[in-house]
Protein backbone atom coordinates (compact mmCIF):
# COMPACT_ATOMS: atom_id res chain seq x y z
CA MET A 1 117.46 112.00 75.00
CA ASN A 2 115.29 112.42 78.06
CA GLU A 3 114.39 115.76 80.46
CA ASN A 4 116.53 114.47 83.10
CA ARG A 5 119.67 114.14 81.16
CA MET A 6 119.24 116.92 79.33
CA SER A 7 118.76 118.98 82.25
CA GLY A 8 121.88 117.47 83.94
CA ASN A 9 123.92 118.42 80.42
CA PHE A 10 122.61 122.34 81.02
CA ASP A 11 123.57 122.24 84.83
CA LYS A 12 127.07 121.04 83.84
CA ALA A 13 127.53 123.27 80.95
CA VAL A 14 126.63 126.33 82.95
CA GLY A 15 128.26 125.14 86.10
CA LYS A 16 131.65 124.87 84.08
CA ALA A 17 130.73 128.40 82.64
CA LYS A 18 130.22 129.75 86.04
CA GLU A 19 133.25 128.16 87.17
CA GLU A 20 135.54 129.21 84.98
CA VAL A 21 134.49 133.10 85.04
CA GLY A 22 134.65 132.83 88.71
CA LYS A 23 138.30 131.81 88.47
CA ARG A 24 138.84 134.52 86.05
CA LEU A 25 137.50 137.22 88.11
CA GLY A 26 138.78 135.97 91.09
CA ASN A 27 134.98 135.70 92.50
CA ALA A 28 135.61 132.40 94.91
CA GLU A 29 131.63 132.63 95.58
CA LEU A 30 130.85 132.22 91.68
CA GLU A 31 133.42 129.64 91.22
CA PHE A 32 132.01 127.53 94.03
CA LYS A 33 128.66 127.88 92.41
CA GLY A 34 129.61 126.60 89.16
CA LYS A 35 131.33 123.30 90.75
CA VAL A 36 128.09 122.60 92.65
CA GLN A 37 126.01 123.42 89.59
CA GLN A 38 128.23 120.90 87.95
CA ILE A 39 127.55 118.15 90.89
CA GLN A 40 123.98 118.72 90.34
CA GLY A 41 124.16 117.61 86.78
CA ASP A 42 126.14 114.68 87.30
CA GLY A 43 123.53 113.80 90.11
CA LYS A 44 120.77 114.39 87.72
CA HIS A 45 122.62 111.77 85.39
CA LEU A 46 123.37 109.34 88.36
CA LEU A 47 119.66 109.31 89.01
CA ASN A 48 118.25 108.94 85.36
CA ASP A 49 121.04 106.12 85.03
CA ALA A 50 119.56 104.56 88.44
CA LYS A 51 115.96 104.71 87.10
CA ASP A 52 116.83 103.34 83.44
CA THR A 53 118.47 100.60 85.32
CA VAL A 54 115.26 99.78 87.47
CA LEU A 55 113.02 99.79 84.65
CA ARG A 56 115.20 97.35 82.90
CA LYS A 57 115.24 95.06 85.30
CA ALA A 58 111.49 95.34 86.25
CA ASN A 59 110.67 94.61 82.39
CA ASP A 60 113.03 91.48 82.66
CA LEU A 61 111.22 89.95 85.72
CA VAL A 62 108.21 90.66 83.87
CA ASP A 63 108.94 89.01 81.03
CA GLN A 64 110.41 86.10 82.91
CA PHE A 65 107.21 85.79 84.41
CA ARG A 66 105.29 85.64 81.36
CA ASP A 67 107.71 82.99 79.98
CA GLN A 68 107.19 80.98 83.05
CA THR A 69 103.35 80.94 83.18
CA HIS A 70 103.03 80.81 79.26
């Protein structure tokens, strides 16, 4: 598991905790901040997935080029 994914998991877990505490305390601001932090965690996961896809495709192109030149 890489750093971005771990950071995303952390943001999602902490955000969920903040959201729940905010709900139980009737603190709308804390609840909102928790939801935002969860979305940030999702964004980190999406960014990581996109990066992995680009790297995989780039490696595929390099392999294809090598195959054509040999």
